[in-house]
Amino acid sequence: PLELVPGDLASPQERQLASALGIAEHRLVPRLPGGLENCHRGSKCFWSWLARAALEQVAGVSLGHLELPEMIDRLRSELAELRRQARKDASALATLRDVCGAGEAELRELRAARARLQKLETENEELRGANAGLTKTVDVLREDFKEATGRCRAIEAELAEAAERADEAESALEAM
């Protein structure tokens, strides 16, 4: 980039350049190398057309109806708007990255929860199977208990009858 010089110390060519660039009111203007000469060809000056063509290439559109200071001002405004939009886009991108990071964290938590749920469902099925087995065992034991209780009552009844007969036999022996 060209070095800058205070406007009040600028040469007539530097002031003319600042005016052509639309920055004559700026405190600092670009310094030009010494020994430059003004082109007296007017609208046939190659360098003037080169500058216009370069600005149109940067703009991406024809700016033929605008003067050089207007072209520069338009491109400057467009660049400023693009910079503002880039800042907005960067902010929106940062927000989206935060949201995405939170979503990824939530997804990891949900996957871990799903894995725990699958493990618990498997354990639940195993416990249900074990419970069914235990229930069958309890039912068998209850049936065995009923049978044993029935046999016990029958034996107690037989024992009571035998005791009664023994008492009767003892009484009959005593009476004899």
C-alpha atoms as a PDB file:
ATOM      1  CA  PRO A   1       0.000   0.000   0.000  1.00  0.00           C
ATOM      2  CA  LEU A   2       0.999   3.582  -0.533  1.00  0.00           C
ATOM      3  CA  GLU A   3       2.357   5.475   2.432  1.00  0.00           C
ATOM      4  CA  LEU A   4       0.041   8.184   3.781  1.00  0.00           C
ATOM      5  CA  VAL A   5       0.841  11.876   4.150  1.00  0.00           C
ATOM      6  CA  PRO A   6      -1.168  14.617   5.916  1.00  0.00           C
ATOM      7  CA  GLY A   7      -3.410  16.404   3.409  1.00  0.00           C
ATOM      8  CA  ASP A   8      -1.930  19.838   4.188  1.00  0.00           C
ATOM      9  CA  LEU A   9       1.570  18.520   3.314  1.00  0.00           C
ATOM     10  CA  ALA A  10       0.440  16.712   0.144  1.00  0.00           C
ATOM     11  CA  SER A  11       1.760  17.703  -3.260  1.00  0.00           C
ATOM     12  CA  PRO A  12      -0.683  18.991  -5.906  1.00  0.00           C
ATOM     13  CA  GLN A  13      -0.586  15.567  -7.622  1.00  0.00           C
ATOM     14  CA  GLU A  14      -1.345  13.813  -4.300  1.00  0.00           C
ATOM     15  CA  ARG A  15      -4.285  16.174  -3.741  1.00  0.00           C
ATOM     16  CA  GLN A  16      -5.484  15.506  -7.297  1.00  0.00           C
ATOM     17  CA  LEU A  17      -5.192  11.737  -6.651  1.00  0.00           C
ATOM     18  CA  ALA A  18      -7.140  12.083  -3.358  1.00  0.00           C
ATOM     19  CA  SER A  19      -9.835  14.028  -5.199  1.00  0.00           C
ATOM     20  CA  ALA A  20      -9.994  11.388  -7.958  1.00  0.00           C
ATOM     21  CA  LEU A  21     -10.335   8.680  -5.286  1.00  0.00           C
ATOM     22  CA  GLY A  22     -13.073  10.629  -3.498  1.00  0.00           C
ATOM     23  CA  ILE A  23     -11.015  11.025  -0.315  1.00  0.00           C
ATOM     24  CA  ALA A  24      -9.952  14.663  -0.630  1.00  0.00           C
ATOM     25  CA  GLU A  25     -11.663  15.457   2.715  1.00  0.00           C
ATOM     26  CA  HIS A  26      -9.617  12.799   4.567  1.00  0.00           C
ATOM     27  CA  ARG A  27      -6.883  13.955   6.944  1.00  0.00           C
ATOM     28  CA  LEU A  28      -4.351  11.590   5.324  1.00  0.00           C
ATOM     29  CA  VAL A  29      -3.925  11.006   1.588  1.00  0.00           C
ATOM     30  CA  PRO A  30      -1.759   8.521  -0.340  1.00  0.00           C
ATOM     31  CA  ARG A  31       1.831   9.653  -1.000  1.00  0.00           C
ATOM     32  CA  LEU A  32       3.000   9.326  -4.579  1.00  0.00           C
ATOM     33  CA  PRO A  33       6.585   8.615  -5.635  1.00  0.00           C
ATOM     34  CA  GLY A  34       8.513  11.685  -6.826  1.00  0.00           C
ATOM     35  CA  GLY A  35       8.938  12.509 -10.517  1.00  0.00           C
ATOM     36  CA  LEU A  36       5.447  11.502 -11.665  1.00  0.00           C
ATOM     37  CA  GLU A  37       3.886  13.449 -14.494  1.00  0.00           C
ATOM     38  CA  ASN A  38       0.212  14.083 -15.152  1.00  0.00           C
ATOM     39  CA  CYS A  39      -1.248  12.501 -18.249  1.00  0.00           C
ATOM     40  CA  HIS A  40      -2.577  15.088 -20.658  1.00  0.00           C
ATOM     41  CA  ARG A  41      -4.447  12.585 -22.838  1.00  0.00           C
ATOM     42  CA  GLY A  42      -7.735  12.944 -20.890  1.00  0.00           C
ATOM     43  CA  SER A  43     -10.219  10.245 -21.815  1.00  0.00           C
ATOM     44  CA  LYS A  44      -7.567   8.525 -23.948  1.00  0.00           C
ATOM     45  CA  CYS A  45      -5.202   7.898 -21.037  1.00  0.00           C
ATOM     46  CA  PHE A  46      -4.341   4.183 -20.760  1.00  0.00           C
ATOM     47  CA  TRP A  47      -3.800   4.360 -16.983  1.00  0.00           C
ATOM     48  CA  SER A  48      -7.176   5.946 -16.378  1.00  0.00           C
ATOM     49  CA  TRP A  49      -8.854   3.136 -18.313  1.00  0.00           C
ATOM     50  CA  LEU A  50      -6.724   0.557 -16.536  1.00  0.00           C
ATOM     51  CA  ALA A  51      -7.950   1.884 -13.167  1.00  0.00           C
ATOM     52  CA  ARG A  52     -11.586   1.794 -14.332  1.00  0.00           C
ATOM     53  CA  ALA A  53     -11.211  -1.721 -15.757  1.00  0.00           C
ATOM     54  CA  ALA A  54      -9.581  -2.936 -12.527  1.00  0.00           C
ATOM     55  CA  LEU A  55     -12.438  -1.508 -10.452  1.00  0.00           C
ATOM     56  CA  GLU A  56     -15.033  -3.073 -12.760  1.00  0.00           C
ATOM     57  CA  GLN A  57     -13.256  -6.435 -12.424  1.00  0.00           C
ATOM     58  CA  VAL A  58     -13.379  -6.113  -8.644  1.00  0.00           C
ATOM     59  CA  ALA A  59     -17.042  -5.073  -8.769  1.00  0.00           C
ATOM     60  CA  GLY A  60     -17.935  -7.857 -11.196  1.00  0.00           C
ATOM     61  CA  VAL A  61     -20.233  -5.492 -13.126  1.00  0.00           C
ATOM     62  CA  SER A  62     -19.890  -2.665 -15.577  1.00  0.00           C
ATOM     63  CA  LEU A  63     -19.573   0.706 -13.859  1.00  0.00           C
ATOM     64  CA  GLY A  64     -19.227   2.691 -17.102  1.00  0.00           C
ATOM     65  CA  HIS A  65     -21.763   5.350 -16.155  1.00  0.00           C
ATOM     66  CA  LEU A  66     -19.971   6.256 -12.898  1.00  0.00           C
ATOM     67  CA  GLU A  67     -17.020   8.564 -12.410  1.00  0.00           C
ATOM     68  CA  LEU A  68     -13.921   7.140 -10.697  1.00  0.00           C
ATOM     69  CA  PRO A  69     -14.731   8.631  -7.227  1.00  0.00           C
ATOM     70  CA  GLU A  70     -18.287   7.248  -7.456  1.00  0.00           C
ATOM     71  CA  MET A  71     -16.934   3.826  -8.472  1.00  0.00           C
ATOM     72  CA  ILE A  72     -14.603   3.830  -5.479  1.00  0.00           C
ATOM     73  CA  ASP A  73     -17.355   4.985  -3.134  1.00  0.00           C
ATOM     74  CA  ARG A  74     -19.718   2.275  -4.395  1.00  0.00           C
ATOM     75  CA  LEU A  75     -17.091  -0.457  -3.974  1.00  0.00           C
ATOM     76  CA  ARG A  76     -16.134   0.872  -0.542  1.00  0.00           C
ATOM     77  CA  SER A  77     -19.799   0.751   0.554  1.00  0.00           C
ATOM     78  CA  GLU A  78     -20.194  -2.719  -0.874  1.00  0.00           C
ATOM     79  CA  LEU A  79     -17.069  -3.942   0.938  1.00  0.00           C
ATOM     80  CA  ALA A  80     -18.264  -2.393   4.196  1.00  0.00           C
ATOM     81  CA  GLU A  81     -21.626  -4.164   3.817  1.00  0.00           C
ATOM     82  CA  LEU A  82     -19.859  -7.429   3.040  1.00  0.00           C
ATOM     83  CA  ARG A  83     -17.717  -7.022   6.165  1.00  0.00           C
ATOM     84  CA  ARG A  84     -20.843  -6.370   8.269  1.00  0.00           C
ATOM     85  CA  GLN A  85     -22.487  -9.428   6.743  1.00  0.00           C
ATOM     86  CA  ALA A  86     -19.345 -11.497   7.390  1.00  0.00           C
ATOM     87  CA  ARG A  87     -19.460 -10.467  11.079  1.00  0.00           C
ATOM     88  CA  LYS A  88     -23.172 -11.400  11.255  1.00  0.00           C
ATOM     89  CA  ASP A  89     -22.448 -14.703   9.519  1.00  0.00           C
ATOM     90  CA  ALA A  90     -19.561 -15.431  11.898  1.00  0.00           C
ATOM     91  CA  SER A  91     -21.810 -14.718  14.860  1.00  0.00           C
ATOM     92  CA  ALA A  92     -24.575 -16.920  13.444  1.00  0.00           C
ATOM     93  CA  LEU A  93     -22.035 -19.650  12.751  1.00  0.00           C
ATOM     94  CA  ALA A  94     -20.751 -19.459  16.333  1.00  0.00           C
ATOM     95  CA  THR A  95     -24.333 -19.733  17.607  1.00  0.00           C
ATOM     96  CA  LEU A  96     -24.993 -22.709  15.338  1.00  0.00           C
ATOM     97  CA  ARG A  97     -21.781 -24.355  16.524  1.00  0.00           C
ATOM     98  CA  ASP A  98     -22.916 -23.885  20.135  1.00  0.00           C
ATOM     99  CA  VAL A  99     -26.320 -25.347  19.311  1.00  0.00           C
ATOM    100  CA  CYS A 100     -24.689 -28.190  17.421  1.00  0.00           C
ATOM    101  CA  GLY A 101     -22.325 -28.850  20.354  1.00  0.00           C
ATOM    102  CA  ALA A 102     -25.268 -28.920  22.752  1.00  0.00           C
ATOM    103  CA  GLY A 103     -27.139 -31.225  20.384  1.00  0.00           C
ATOM    104  CA  GLU A 104     -24.140 -33.535  20.160  1.00  0.00           C
ATOM    105  CA  ALA A 105     -23.870 -33.632  23.956  1.00  0.00           C
ATOM    106  CA  GLU A 106     -27.584 -34.400  24.223  1.00  0.00           C
ATOM    107  CA  LEU A 107     -27.218 -37.086  21.543  1.00  0.00           C
ATOM    108  CA  ARG A 108     -24.370 -38.697  23.514  1.00  0.00           C
ATOM    109  CA  GLU A 109     -26.538 -38.640  26.658  1.00  0.00           C
ATOM    110  CA  LEU A 110     -29.478 -40.146  24.776  1.00  0.00           C
ATOM    111  CA  ARG A 111     -27.293 -42.884  23.311  1.00  0.00           C
ATOM    112  CA  ALA A 112     -25.940 -43.679  26.778  1.00  0.00           C
ATOM    113  CA  ALA A 113     -29.502 -43.729  28.138  1.00  0.00           C
ATOM    114  CA  ARG A 114     -30.589 -46.030  25.309  1.00  0.00           C
ATOM    115  CA  ALA A 115     -27.687 -48.381  26.089  1.00  0.00           C
ATOM    116  CA  ARG A 116     -28.654 -48.376  29.782  1.00  0.00           C
ATOM    117  CA  LEU A 117     -32.295 -49.003  28.840  1.00  0.00           C
ATOM    118  CA  GLN A 118     -31.335 -51.947  26.626  1.00  0.00           C
ATOM    119  CA  LYS A 119     -29.209 -53.377  29.432  1.00  0.00           C
ATOM    120  CA  LEU A 120     -32.062 -52.917  31.919  1.00  0.00           C
ATOM    121  CA  GLU A 121     -34.554 -54.501  29.518  1.00  0.00           C
ATOM    122  CA  THR A 122     -32.241 -57.506  29.150  1.00  0.00           C
ATOM    123  CA  GLU A 123     -31.856 -57.737  32.931  1.00  0.00           C
ATOM    124  CA  ASN A 124     -35.635 -57.382  33.291  1.00  0.00           C
ATOM    125  CA  GLU A 125     -36.222 -60.308  30.900  1.00  0.00           C
ATOM    126  CA  GLU A 126     -33.669 -62.403  32.790  1.00  0.00           C
ATOM    127  CA  LEU A 127     -35.321 -61.541  36.113  1.00  0.00           C
ATOM    128  CA  ARG A 128     -38.766 -62.331  34.707  1.00  0.00           C
ATOM    129  CA  GLY A 129     -37.448 -65.729  33.589  1.00  0.00           C
ATOM    130  CA  ALA A 130     -35.888 -66.327  37.005  1.00  0.00           C
ATOM    131  CA  ASN A 131     -39.136 -65.207  38.679  1.00  0.00           C
ATOM    132  CA  ALA A 132     -41.156 -67.607  36.520  1.00  0.00           C
ATOM    133  CA  GLY A 133     -38.815 -70.420  37.567  1.00  0.00           C
ATOM    134  CA  LEU A 134     -39.114 -69.452  41.214  1.00  0.00           C
ATOM    135  CA  THR A 135     -42.887 -69.229  40.926  1.00  0.00           C
ATOM    136  CA  LYS A 136     -42.970 -72.777  39.503  1.00  0.00           C
ATOM    137  CA  THR A 137     -40.720 -73.944  42.338  1.00  0.00           C
ATOM    138  CA  VAL A 138     -43.007 -72.292  44.916  1.00  0.00           C
ATOM    139  CA  ASP A 139     -46.068 -73.887  43.280  1.00  0.00           C
ATOM    140  CA  VAL A 140     -44.383 -77.327  43.365  1.00  0.00           C
ATOM    141  CA  LEU A 141     -43.343 -76.789  46.985  1.00  0.00           C
ATOM    142  CA  ARG A 142     -46.892 -75.721  47.911  1.00  0.00           C
ATOM    143  CA  GLU A 143     -48.252 -78.855  46.270  1.00  0.00           C
ATOM    144  CA  ASP A 144     -45.643 -80.966  48.066  1.00  0.00           C
ATOM    145  CA  PHE A 145     -46.556 -79.190  51.310  1.00  0.00           C
ATOM    146  CA  LYS A 146     -50.266 -79.927  50.774  1.00  0.00           C
ATOM    147  CA  GLU A 147     -49.468 -83.560  50.071  1.00  0.00           C
ATOM    148  CA  ALA A 148     -47.172 -83.750  53.115  1.00  0.00           C
ATOM    149  CA  THR A 149     -49.796 -82.024  55.250  1.00  0.00           C
ATOM    150  CA  GLY A 150     -52.432 -84.503  54.007  1.00  0.00           C
ATOM    151  CA  ARG A 151     -50.142 -87.450  54.753  1.00  0.00           C
ATOM    152  CA  CYS A 152     -49.311 -85.962  58.135  1.00  0.00           C
ATOM    153  CA  ARG A 153     -53.038 -85.655  58.984  1.00  0.00           C
ATOM    154  CA  ALA A 154     -53.629 -89.190  57.773  1.00  0.00           C
ATOM    155  CA  ILE A 155     -50.723 -90.438  59.890  1.00  0.00           C
ATOM    156  CA  GLU A 156     -51.986 -88.405  62.868  1.00  0.00           C
ATOM    157  CA  ALA A 157     -55.456 -89.911  62.350  1.00  0.00           C
ATOM    158  CA  GLU A 158     -53.947 -93.409  62.117  1.00  0.00           C
ATOM    159  CA  LEU A 159     -51.863 -92.643  65.195  1.00  0.00           C
ATOM    160  CA  ALA A 160     -54.955 -91.412  67.065  1.00  0.00           C
ATOM    161  CA  GLU A 161     -56.852 -94.580  66.070  1.00  0.00           C
ATOM    162  CA  ALA A 162     -53.895 -96.744  67.063  1.00  0.00           C
ATOM    163  CA  ALA A 163     -53.641 -94.904  70.381  1.00  0.00           C
ATOM    164  CA  GLU A 164     -57.369 -95.377  70.903  1.00  0.00           C
ATOM    165  CA  ARG A 165     -57.117 -99.060  70.099  1.00  0.00           C
ATOM    166  CA  ALA A 166     -54.080 -99.352  72.345  1.00  0.00           C
ATOM    167  CA  ASP A 167     -56.080 -97.665  75.132  1.00  0.00           C
ATOM    168  CA  GLU A 168     -58.981-100.009  74.487  1.00  0.00           C
ATOM    169  CA  ALA A 169     -56.659-103.019  74.453  1.00  0.00           C
ATOM    170  CA  GLU A 170     -55.028-101.812  77.636  1.00  0.00           C
ATOM    171  CA  SER A 171     -58.418-101.304  79.250  1.00  0.00           C
ATOM    172  CA  ALA A 172     -59.526-104.757  78.067  1.00  0.00           C
ATOM    173  CA  LEU A 173     -56.361-106.288  79.489  1.00  0.00           C
ATOM    174  CA  GLU A 174     -56.836-104.526  82.767  1.00  0.00           C
ATOM    175  CA  ALA A 175     -60.389-105.679  82.916  1.00  0.00           C
ATOM    176  CA  MET A 176     -59.412-109.145  82.481  1.00  0.00           C
END
